[in-house]
Protein backbone atom coordinates (compact mmCIF):
# COMPACT_ATOMS: atom_id res chain seq x y z
CA UNK A 1 24.76 54.29 3.13
CA UNK A 2 23.44 51.85 0.17
CA UNK A 3 24.27 48.24 0.58
CA UNK A 4 23.72 46.43 -3.17
CA UNK A 5 24.33 42.99 -4.81
CA UNK A 6 27.45 43.22 -6.92
CA UNK A 7 28.33 41.21 -10.42
CA UNK A 8 31.69 39.84 -10.19
CA UNK A 9 33.40 40.10 -13.18
CA UNK A 10 36.84 39.91 -11.97
CA UNK A 11 37.83 40.28 -8.28
CA UNK A 12 41.09 42.04 -7.23
CA UNK A 13 42.51 42.82 -10.42
CA UNK A 14 43.46 46.26 -12.41
CA UNK A 15 41.64 46.07 -15.52
CA UNK A 16 41.12 48.86 -17.99
CA UNK A 17 38.16 47.55 -20.40
CA UNK A 18 35.66 44.77 -19.99
CA UNK A 19 36.59 42.82 -22.58
CA UNK A 20 39.88 42.71 -20.48
CA UNK A 21 37.89 41.53 -17.55
CA UNK A 22 36.14 39.04 -19.23
CA UNK A 23 39.24 37.50 -20.94
CA UNK A 24 41.04 37.24 -17.17
CA UNK A 25 38.22 35.56 -15.76
CA UNK A 26 37.68 32.91 -18.39
CA UNK A 27 41.33 32.34 -18.32
CA UNK A 28 40.87 31.99 -14.23
CA UNK A 29 37.66 30.04 -15.22
CA UNK A 30 39.83 27.45 -17.30
CA UNK A 31 42.36 27.09 -14.42
CA UNK A 32 39.75 26.65 -12.19
CA UNK A 33 38.22 23.87 -14.21
CA UNK A 34 41.60 21.90 -14.94
CA UNK A 35 42.86 22.06 -10.90
CA UNK A 36 38.83 20.72 -10.54
CA UNK A 37 39.03 17.88 -12.87
CA UNK A 38 42.98 17.14 -11.26
CA UNK A 39 41.46 16.84 -8.44
CA UNK A 40 38.02 14.90 -8.75
CA UNK A 41 40.24 12.48 -11.44
CA UNK A 42 42.92 11.54 -8.69
CA UNK A 43 41.27 9.27 -6.59
CA UNK A 44 44.12 9.31 -4.25
CA UNK A 45 45.21 6.11 -3.77
CA UNK A 46 44.39 4.49 -0.40
CA UNK A 47 48.68 3.51 -0.84
CA UNK A 48 51.06 5.51 0.02
CA UNK A 49 55.16 5.24 -0.86
CA UNK A 50 55.88 3.06 1.87
CA UNK A 51 52.83 0.55 1.29
CA UNK A 52 50.39 1.64 3.88
CA UNK A 53 46.84 0.99 2.84
CA UNK A 54 43.77 2.99 4.68
CA UNK A 55 41.45 0.74 6.30
CA UNK A 56 38.49 1.80 7.88
CA UNK A 57 38.10 2.44 11.51
CA UNK A 58 34.78 2.52 13.07
CA UNK A 59 34.14 4.39 16.34
CA UNK A 60 31.96 2.45 18.19
CA UNK A 61 31.32 5.56 20.34
CA UNK A 62 29.39 7.61 17.85
CA UNK A 63 28.14 4.41 15.99
CA UNK A 64 25.98 3.82 19.50
CA UNK A 65 25.35 7.67 19.84
CA UNK A 66 23.79 7.93 16.65
CA UNK A 67 21.38 4.71 16.95
CA UNK A 68 20.69 6.11 20.34
CA UNK A 69 19.74 9.50 19.10
CA UNK A 70 17.26 8.09 16.43
CA UNK A 71 15.78 5.60 18.66
CA UNK A 72 15.02 8.65 20.86
CA UNK A 73 14.00 10.61 18.16
CA UNK A 74 11.55 7.55 16.63
CA UNK A 75 10.10 6.91 20.00
CA UNK A 76 9.12 11.25 20.47
CA UNK A 77 8.05 11.11 16.82
CA UNK A 78 5.43 7.87 17.40
CA UNK A 79 4.69 9.55 21.02
CA UNK A 80 3.93 13.19 19.58
CA UNK A 81 3.18 12.56 16.17
CA UNK A 82 0.57 9.64 16.52
CA UNK A 83 -0.90 10.46 20.13
CA UNK A 84 -4.33 12.75 19.24
CA UNK A 85 -3.63 14.15 23.10
CA UNK A 86 -0.48 16.35 21.38
CA UNK A 87 -2.65 18.87 19.56
CA UNK A 88 -1.96 18.79 15.90
CA UNK A 89 -0.22 22.14 15.50
CA UNK A 90 2.04 21.49 18.16
CA UNK A 91 3.85 19.46 15.73
CA UNK A 92 5.18 22.11 13.82
CA UNK A 93 8.03 23.57 16.25
CA UNK A 94 10.47 20.60 16.06
CA UNK A 95 10.32 21.56 12.03
CA UNK A 96 9.95 25.16 12.43
CA UNK A 97 12.74 25.07 15.07
CA UNK A 98 14.67 22.96 12.82
CA UNK A 99 15.01 25.58 10.01
CA UNK A 100 15.26 28.49 12.22
CA UNK A 101 18.54 26.69 13.72
CA UNK A 102 19.42 25.86 10.08
CA UNK A 103 19.69 29.18 9.37
CA UNK A 104 22.92 29.34 11.11
CA UNK A 105 24.81 26.60 9.23
CA UNK A 106 23.22 28.08 6.07
CA UNK A 107 23.46 31.45 5.75
CA UNK A 108 26.50 31.75 8.82
CA UNK A 109 28.91 29.27 8.78
CA UNK A 110 28.17 28.60 5.09
CA UNK A 111 27.61 30.92 2.96
CA UNK A 112 28.93 34.06 5.60
CA UNK A 113 32.04 32.49 6.74
CA UNK A 114 33.16 29.62 4.45
CA UNK A 115 32.82 31.31 1.39
CA UNK A 116 33.25 34.96 2.11
CA UNK A 117 29.78 35.48 -0.14
CA UNK A 118 28.50 38.48 1.80
CA UNK A 119 29.51 40.45 5.02
CA UNK A 120 27.26 41.11 7.96
CA UNK A 121 27.48 43.43 10.81
CA UNK A 122 28.38 42.19 14.79
CA UNK A 123 24.46 41.95 15.75
CA UNK A 124 23.94 39.69 12.66
CA UNK A 125 26.95 37.90 13.41
CA UNK A 126 26.28 37.50 16.67
CA UNK A 127 22.43 36.56 15.59
CA UNK A 128 24.18 33.74 13.16
CA UNK A 129 26.34 32.28 15.49
CA UNK A 130 23.26 31.98 17.87
CA UNK A 131 21.32 29.55 15.37
CA UNK A 132 24.41 27.99 14.52
CA UNK A 133 25.14 26.69 17.86
CA UNK A 134 21.50 25.33 18.47
CA UNK A 135 22.28 23.45 15.06
CA UNK A 136 24.60 22.02 16.78
CA UNK A 137 26.84 20.75 13.59
CA UNK A 138 30.40 21.57 14.76
CA UNK A 139 31.71 24.91 15.94
CA UNK A 140 32.52 27.47 13.15
CA UNK A 141 35.93 27.29 13.21
CA UNK A 142 35.92 23.31 12.77
CA UNK A 143 32.84 23.56 10.25
CA UNK A 144 34.47 26.08 8.13
CA UNK A 145 37.75 23.78 8.21
CA UNK A 146 35.99 20.79 6.66
CA UNK A 147 33.83 22.78 4.24
CA UNK A 148 36.54 24.22 3.11
CA UNK A 149 38.39 21.16 2.50
CA UNK A 150 35.49 19.38 0.88
CA UNK A 151 35.42 22.03 -2.14
CA UNK A 152 39.14 21.89 -2.31
CA UNK A 153 39.40 18.27 -3.08
CA UNK A 154 35.72 17.70 -3.51
CA UNK A 155 34.67 13.82 -3.64
CA UNK A 156 38.56 12.33 -3.17
CA UNK A 157 39.40 10.96 -0.21
CA UNK A 158 41.18 14.15 1.46
CA UNK A 159 37.22 14.92 1.16
CA UNK A 160 35.36 14.41 4.91
CA UNK A 161 32.51 13.47 3.22
CA UNK A 162 33.80 11.61 -0.28
CA UNK A 163 30.52 10.55 -2.16
CA UNK A 164 32.44 8.17 -4.20
CA UNK A 165 31.94 5.83 -0.80
CA UNK A 166 28.62 5.81 -1.05
CA UNK A 167 25.73 7.26 -0.06
CA UNK A 168 25.64 6.22 3.29
CA UNK A 169 28.83 7.54 4.09
CA UNK A 170 28.77 10.79 2.52
CA UNK A 171 25.28 11.24 4.32
CA UNK A 172 26.00 10.57 7.97
CA UNK A 173 28.62 7.11 7.69
CA UNK A 174 31.73 10.01 7.90
CA UNK A 175 30.96 10.77 11.64
CA UNK A 176 31.18 7.01 12.54
CA UNK A 177 34.46 6.46 11.14
CA UNK A 178 38.16 7.68 11.87
CA UNK A 179 39.18 10.54 9.06
CA UNK A 180 41.07 9.33 6.32
CA UNK A 181 44.37 10.49 6.76
CA UNK A 182 44.42 12.70 3.84
CA UNK A 183 41.45 14.46 5.36
CA UNK A 184 43.71 15.29 8.24
CA UNK A 185 46.84 15.99 6.58
CA UNK A 186 45.59 17.97 3.96
CA UNK A 187 43.23 19.97 6.33
CA UNK A 188 46.41 21.30 8.33
CA UNK A 189 46.67 23.07 4.76
CA UNK A 190 43.79 24.98 4.89
CA UNK A 191 43.48 28.86 5.63
CA UNK A 192 41.64 29.89 8.22
CA UNK A 193 43.20 32.92 9.45
CA UNK A 194 40.52 35.18 7.77
CA UNK A 195 37.21 32.97 10.29
CA UNK A 196 39.68 33.17 13.49
CA UNK A 197 39.92 36.73 12.98
CA UNK A 198 36.28 37.54 13.82
CA UNK A 199 35.78 37.82 17.71
CA UNK A 200 32.09 36.01 17.53
CA UNK A 201 34.22 32.82 16.28
CA UNK A 202 36.67 32.65 18.66
CA UNK A 203 33.99 33.74 21.61
CA UNK A 204 31.73 30.56 20.27
CA UNK A 205 34.78 28.16 20.17
CA UNK A 206 36.37 28.92 23.23
CA UNK A 207 32.72 28.85 25.34
CA UNK A 208 31.04 25.79 22.67
CA UNK A 209 30.05 23.50 25.19
CA UNK A 210 28.59 26.29 27.46
CA UNK A 211 27.09 27.07 24.64
CA UNK A 212 25.55 24.25 23.31
CA UNK A 213 24.18 23.20 26.37
CA UNK A 214 22.35 26.44 26.71
CA UNK A 215 21.09 26.60 23.19
CA UNK A 216 20.83 23.38 21.74
CA UNK A 217 19.42 21.83 24.89
CA UNK A 218 17.81 24.12 27.45
CA UNK A 219 16.39 27.47 25.73
CA UNK A 220 14.48 25.09 23.16
CA UNK A 221 13.20 23.25 25.72
CA UNK A 222 11.99 25.96 28.30
CA UNK A 223 10.39 28.02 25.14
CA UNK A 224 8.58 25.07 23.96
CA UNK A 225 7.19 24.04 27.40
CA UNK A 226 6.22 28.31 27.66
CA UNK A 227 4.81 28.66 24.93
CA UNK A 228 2.72 25.03 24.89
CA UNK A 229 2.41 24.18 28.43
CA UNK A 230 3.72 20.65 27.86
CA UNK A 231 6.25 18.98 30.55
CA UNK A 232 9.64 20.20 30.16
CA UNK A 233 10.23 16.13 29.36
CA UNK A 234 8.16 16.24 26.26
CA UNK A 235 9.11 19.35 25.04
CA UNK A 236 12.87 18.21 25.21
CA UNK A 237 12.24 15.20 22.81
CA UNK A 238 9.93 17.40 20.90
CA UNK A 239 11.71 20.90 20.42
CA UNK A 240 15.31 19.44 20.93
CA UNK A 241 15.98 15.65 19.76
CA UNK A 242 13.07 15.37 16.75
CA UNK A 243 14.35 18.56 15.91
CA UNK A 244 17.75 17.85 15.87
CA UNK A 245 17.46 14.85 13.82
CA UNK A 246 15.26 17.13 11.57
CA UNK A 247 17.88 19.43 11.00
CA UNK A 248 21.06 17.23 10.34
CA UNK A 249 19.06 15.19 7.87
CA UNK A 250 17.85 18.05 5.55
CA UNK A 251 22.12 19.48 6.47
CA UNK A 252 23.23 15.45 5.12
CA UNK A 253 21.11 15.77 2.02
CA UNK A 254 23.56 18.41 0.25
CA UNK A 255 26.70 15.84 1.46
CA UNK A 256 24.81 12.55 0.02
CA UNK A 257 21.80 13.22 -2.65
CA UNK A 258 23.36 16.60 -4.15
CA UNK A 259 26.45 14.67 -5.08
CA UNK A 260 24.91 11.22 -6.61
CA UNK A 261 21.47 12.56 -8.04
CA UNK A 262 20.64 15.27 -10.13
CA UNK A 263 21.84 17.80 -13.50
CA UNK A 264 25.24 18.92 -13.95
CA UNK A 265 24.24 21.91 -16.09
CA UNK A 266 27.14 24.40 -15.37
CA UNK A 267 30.05 21.97 -15.21
CA UNK A 268 29.61 18.01 -16.11
CA UNK A 269 33.33 17.54 -14.88
CA UNK A 270 32.10 18.07 -11.38
CA UNK A 271 30.09 15.45 -9.12
CA UNK A 272 27.97 18.07 -7.45
CA UNK A 273 24.72 18.03 -8.87
CA UNK A 274 21.34 20.42 -8.83
CA UNK A 275 19.06 18.38 -6.86
CA UNK A 276 15.35 20.15 -6.59
CA UNK A 277 14.49 17.82 -3.63
CA UNK A 278 17.78 19.14 -1.52
CA UNK A 279 16.96 22.42 -2.50
CA UNK A 280 13.44 22.01 -0.69
CA UNK A 281 14.66 20.44 2.47
CA UNK A 282 17.54 22.45 2.93
CA UNK A 283 15.97 25.64 2.27
CA UNK A 284 17.50 26.86 -1.34
CA UNK A 285 21.40 24.58 -1.08
CA UNK A 286 20.41 22.19 -3.68
CA UNK A 287 22.28 23.92 -6.23
CA UNK A 288 25.05 22.13 -5.57
CA UNK A 289 26.62 21.83 -9.59
CA UNK A 290 26.23 25.67 -9.44
CA UNK A 291 27.56 26.64 -6.50
CA UNK A 292 30.78 24.68 -6.65
CA UNK A 293 30.93 26.16 -10.31
CA UNK A 294 30.72 29.30 -8.60
CA UNK A 295 30.92 29.18 -4.60
CA UNK A 296 31.50 32.59 -4.25
CA UNK A 297 28.11 33.76 -5.28
CA UNK A 298 25.92 34.06 -2.00
CA UNK A 299 23.00 33.23 -3.51
CA UNK A 300 24.24 29.67 -4.03
CA UNK A 301 22.32 29.26 -7.31
CA UNK A 302 22.13 31.31 -11.09
CA UNK A 303 18.61 33.02 -9.71
CA UNK A 304 17.90 34.79 -6.65
CA UNK A 305 14.95 33.72 -4.34
CA UNK A 306 12.23 35.64 -7.07
CA UNK A 307 12.76 33.43 -9.26
CA UNK A 308 13.33 30.06 -7.78
CA UNK A 309 13.08 28.58 -4.30
CA UNK A 310 15.27 29.91 -1.90
CA UNK A 311 14.85 30.53 1.39
CA UNK A 312 18.35 31.31 2.69
CA UNK A 313 19.13 33.57 0.00
CA UNK A 314 15.66 35.66 1.17
CA UNK A 315 16.83 35.37 4.82
CA UNK A 316 20.39 37.47 3.12
CA UNK A 317 18.46 39.56 1.16
CA UNK A 318 16.15 40.68 4.42
CA UNK A 319 18.93 41.68 6.22
CA UNK A 320 20.83 43.89 3.54
CA UNK A 321 17.14 45.48 3.75
CA UNK A 322 17.96 45.83 7.38
CA UNK A 323 21.02 47.12 7.16
CA UNK A 324 22.51 44.59 8.73
CA UNK A 325 24.88 43.04 5.79
CA UNK A 326 26.51 44.62 2.63
CA UNK A 327 28.32 43.85 -0.31
CA UNK A 328 26.74 40.41 -1.97
CA UNK A 329 28.83 38.75 -4.19
CA UNK A 330 27.06 37.45 -7.29
CA UNK A 331 27.85 35.68 -10.57
CA UNK A 332 27.71 37.85 -13.87
CA UNK A 333 24.93 36.47 -16.16
CA UNK A 334 27.51 36.64 -19.19
CA UNK A 335 29.78 34.71 -17.02
CA UNK A 336 27.51 32.04 -16.00
CA UNK A 337 26.70 31.57 -19.64
CA UNK A 338 29.97 30.81 -20.96
CA UNK A 339 30.24 28.60 -17.97
CA UNK A 340 26.94 26.22 -19.67
CA UNK A 341 28.39 26.23 -22.85
CA UNK A 342 32.08 25.65 -21.86
CA UNK A 343 31.16 22.72 -19.60
CA UNK A 344 28.00 22.64 -19.09
CA UNK A 345 24.85 20.92 -20.98
CA UNK A 346 21.86 23.63 -22.33
CA UNK A 347 19.35 21.01 -22.50
CA UNK A 348 19.48 20.31 -18.50
CA UNK A 349 19.36 23.87 -17.92
CA UNK A 350 16.54 24.49 -19.71
CA UNK A 351 13.99 21.86 -18.35
CA UNK A 352 15.36 21.94 -14.42
CA UNK A 353 14.01 25.95 -14.51
CA UNK A 354 11.28 24.89 -16.64
CA UNK A 355 8.12 25.20 -14.35
CA UNK A 356 8.47 29.12 -13.66
CA UNK A 357 8.71 30.40 -9.67
CA UNK A 358 5.15 30.31 -8.33
CA UNK A 359 5.23 26.35 -9.18
CA UNK A 360 8.36 25.81 -7.97
CA UNK A 361 7.54 27.76 -4.20
CA UNK A 362 4.01 25.49 -4.48
CA UNK A 363 6.28 22.00 -4.65
CA UNK A 364 8.75 23.63 -2.40
CA UNK A 365 6.02 24.23 0.53
CA UNK A 366 4.02 21.32 0.20
CA UNK A 367 7.44 18.78 -0.15
CA UNK A 368 8.76 21.26 3.23
CA UNK A 369 5.78 20.09 5.13
CA UNK A 370 5.95 16.48 3.80
CA UNK A 371 6.57 15.01 6.58
CA UNK A 372 3.90 16.69 8.85
CA UNK A 373 1.21 16.26 6.08
CA UNK A 374 2.53 11.90 6.44
CA UNK A 375 2.30 12.46 10.39
CA UNK A 376 -1.49 14.00 9.86
CA UNK A 377 -2.63 11.39 7.58
CA UNK A 378 -1.13 8.88 9.76
CA UNK A 379 -2.81 10.04 13.04
CA UNK A 380 -6.15 10.38 11.08
CA UNK A 381 -5.99 6.62 9.86
CA UNK A 382 -5.09 5.72 13.49
CA UNK A 383 -7.17 7.97 15.66
CA UNK A 384 -9.80 9.06 13.19
CA UNK A 385 -9.14 12.54 13.99
CA UNK A 386 -6.05 15.23 13.63
């Protein structure tokens, strides 16, 4: 069976010609634009008809948990990162595990289950579920509900990560307060029947707690201990705590920085932006203005991994080559160009993709491991050696 990427002109429409298809897609995009404008311009007043005023309610249990988690991560970083008794290359482990687990979120709960931008066979779905559980960012079902809600009501009070409430809130503060009533009410309207129909999703949700204990904590700790020979306690702090905090911040940047800083070259009426540093940190999720304009595109970007830094797209393409994935959806070049002409910014588009593929990957690799480069530099300055 030949697996190829399908260029989407129109989906599930009976069109007799390309002209008809193009016309219908343009009308659909126009309607979508109007809906997005209405969603983004209505700031969803915090007062309802009964005079109710929303007041932020801090969940102190979550606040203390976040503080403790980050204090442990800082302690582990100082202990492992700056102590030359720990071999320098062992410092790769937390970052490598963070990025591997992130694939479960990026290629799994995001591009596969939330947006249905490609299809995956059972072995790949199980593998992605394992990695997504290891990432510990809620189970697939809850993750998809929040993310679909985020797209439908982006940057309004119905958006769980509403960037209009500030960088800190959209980055991590949303986890420390009670959900806005609009998030709860609108969340109940999100259709998740397609997600729930997958037995892999149902299995994970049913056994989520024991799966988290095993895949998030026990296995990474033991694997690190087996490979490096360090104690289980040391490996828990390094391979679990530090890795977890790194992976969280890589993911959170998409909700915060990519909604506040960067270019809006595809649709200037939307808040999401193209942010190159977020692209590097999140392995290809920072092409965010494009992603909100064409959320069903499996690459979450205009260009594939051969033309710009996009590790998650490369992973999906590898899975297609191995026969584990198929039916990738990709926006047609003509449709993208017309969207730029209608709502975007040609000049920003030209500047953003100006440097070229080689430069983009060099910058991506350097930026991705900037954290380790800083760590090694500090080790050398403090200890006189790596």
